[in-house]
Protein backbone atom coordinates (compact mmCIF):
# COMPACT_ATOMS: atom_id res chain seq x y z
CA MET A 1 114.88 124.90 80.93
CA MET A 2 113.38 122.64 83.58
CA LYS A 3 115.70 121.41 86.29
CA GLU A 4 116.14 117.62 86.18
CA LEU A 5 113.98 115.99 88.83
CA GLU A 6 115.57 113.16 90.76
CA LEU A 7 113.19 110.94 92.70
CA ASN A 8 114.71 109.18 95.65
CA PRO A 9 112.40 106.85 97.59
CA TRP A 10 114.65 107.16 100.65
CA GLY A 11 114.90 110.94 100.52
CA ASN A 12 112.56 113.75 101.36
CA ALA A 13 112.57 115.85 98.20
CA LEU A 14 109.71 118.29 97.91
CA ILE A 15 107.65 117.61 94.79
CA GLN A 16 106.59 120.92 93.29
CA ASP A 17 105.09 119.74 89.99
CA TYR A 18 102.85 116.69 90.30
CA ASN A 19 101.58 117.25 86.75
CA TYR A 20 105.11 116.48 85.54
CA LEU A 21 105.09 113.20 87.51
CA PHE A 22 101.67 112.26 86.16
CA LYS A 23 102.94 112.77 82.61
CA GLU A 24 106.32 111.10 83.22
CA PHE A 25 104.80 107.94 84.72
CA GLY A 26 101.59 107.80 82.65
CA MET A 27 99.40 108.32 85.69
CA GLN A 28 95.79 109.43 85.90
CA LYS A 29 94.17 111.45 88.66
CA VAL A 30 91.63 109.69 90.87
CA SER A 31 88.34 110.98 89.50
CA PRO A 32 85.07 111.52 91.41
CA PRO A 33 83.41 108.52 89.65
CA LEU A 34 86.34 106.31 90.69
CA LEU A 35 86.07 107.56 94.26
CA GLU A 36 82.36 106.72 94.22
CA LYS A 37 83.13 103.20 93.00
CA LEU A 38 85.73 102.73 95.75
CA GLY A 39 83.30 103.78 98.45
CA GLU A 40 83.73 105.94 101.52
CA GLU A 41 85.18 103.22 103.75
CA ASN A 42 88.82 103.68 102.80
CA ARG A 43 90.39 106.83 104.21
CA LEU A 44 93.40 106.70 101.88
CA TRP A 45 91.27 107.51 98.82
CA ARG A 46 88.64 109.54 100.65
CA ARG A 47 91.24 111.94 102.07
CA GLY A 48 93.17 112.22 98.80
CA ILE A 49 96.26 110.45 100.15
CA ILE A 50 96.02 108.16 97.13
CA PHE A 51 95.45 110.64 94.33
CA GLY A 52 96.84 108.92 91.24
CA HIS A 53 96.74 105.58 89.47
CA ARG A 54 97.68 103.75 86.30
CA ASP A 55 94.83 101.94 84.56
CA PHE A 56 92.82 101.38 87.73
CA ASP A 57 89.75 102.14 85.63
CA LYS A 58 90.43 98.86 83.74
CA PHE A 59 90.47 97.02 87.05
CA GLY A 60 87.15 98.64 88.00
CA ALA A 61 85.60 97.76 84.64
CA ALA A 62 86.62 94.12 85.04
CA ALA A 63 85.19 94.04 88.57
CA ASP A 64 81.94 95.64 87.34
CA ALA A 65 81.67 92.99 84.61
CA GLY A 66 82.01 90.23 87.20
CA LYS A 67 85.38 89.12 85.86
CA PRO A 68 88.00 87.80 88.28
CA THR A 69 90.38 90.51 89.45
CA ALA A 70 93.79 90.40 91.04
CA ILE A 71 96.11 92.92 92.64
CA MET A 72 99.87 92.62 92.45
CA THR A 73 102.01 94.96 94.47
CA GLY A 74 104.88 94.74 96.85
CA ILE A 75 107.50 96.42 98.89
CA LYS A 76 111.23 96.59 98.89
CA PRO A 77 111.93 96.90 102.59
CA SER A 78 114.78 99.12 103.58
CA SER A 79 114.51 98.27 107.27
CA GLU A 80 111.62 97.66 109.64
CA PHE A 81 108.00 97.62 108.47
CA HIS A 82 106.92 101.29 108.52
CA LEU A 83 103.91 103.52 107.88
CA GLY A 84 104.40 103.49 104.09
CA SER A 85 104.48 99.69 104.08
CA LYS A 86 101.38 99.55 106.25
CA MET A 87 99.49 101.93 103.97
CA THR A 88 100.21 99.74 100.93
CA ALA A 89 99.05 96.68 102.84
CA GLU A 90 95.86 98.45 103.96
CA GLU A 91 95.12 99.51 100.40
CA ILE A 92 95.31 96.01 98.94
CA ILE A 93 93.40 94.43 101.83
CA TYR A 94 90.61 96.94 101.23
CA LEU A 95 90.53 96.15 97.50
CA GLN A 96 90.50 92.45 98.27
CA LYS A 97 87.49 92.86 100.54
CA ARG A 98 85.66 95.39 98.33
CA PHE A 99 86.06 93.55 95.01
CA GLY A 100 86.83 89.96 96.04
CA SER A 101 90.20 90.19 94.31
CA LYS A 102 93.08 87.82 94.67
CA VAL A 103 96.07 89.58 96.17
CA PHE A 104 99.76 89.04 95.57
CA TYR A 105 102.13 90.98 97.83
CA ALA A 106 105.78 90.49 96.93
CA ILE A 107 108.53 91.30 99.37
CA ALA A 108 111.75 91.95 97.48
CA ASP A 109 114.08 91.61 100.44
CA VAL A 110 117.11 90.32 98.52
CA GLU A 111 116.85 93.26 96.11
CA ALA A 112 116.54 95.64 99.06
CA TYR A 113 119.69 94.25 100.64
CA ALA A 114 121.61 94.63 97.37
CA ASP A 115 120.30 98.12 96.52
CA ASN A 116 120.81 99.45 100.04
CA GLY A 117 124.22 97.86 100.55
CA LEU A 118 123.01 95.85 103.54
CA SER A 119 124.78 92.77 104.82
CA PHE A 120 123.13 89.36 104.99
CA ASP A 121 125.10 88.70 108.17
CA SER A 122 122.67 88.73 111.10
CA SER A 123 125.35 88.88 113.78
């Protein structure tokens, strides 16, 4: 019987079975043709830091067909802007430049305060 995996975005759990996560979240591995389409300029894909996606091939097909593309992502800040936040921002800026996509970057700060039990009091 497989031990229940609990993902905690604020923790540091060691992931031992990425195949399980790919199946659980319906992800696909970044393939060599996709890497070729993305180009060598972005180190996050080139170095395998970004190694999975969901339906990014549909985005690429739309861009190849000359259709307008858009990227929607965001962060739920738990404190100061950090490396993980910066990496997400770098990724979407690269896609915006590479494919001419519109970008929407939501910052769910009220949700972050509620989820993390933070006070709105600034004093």
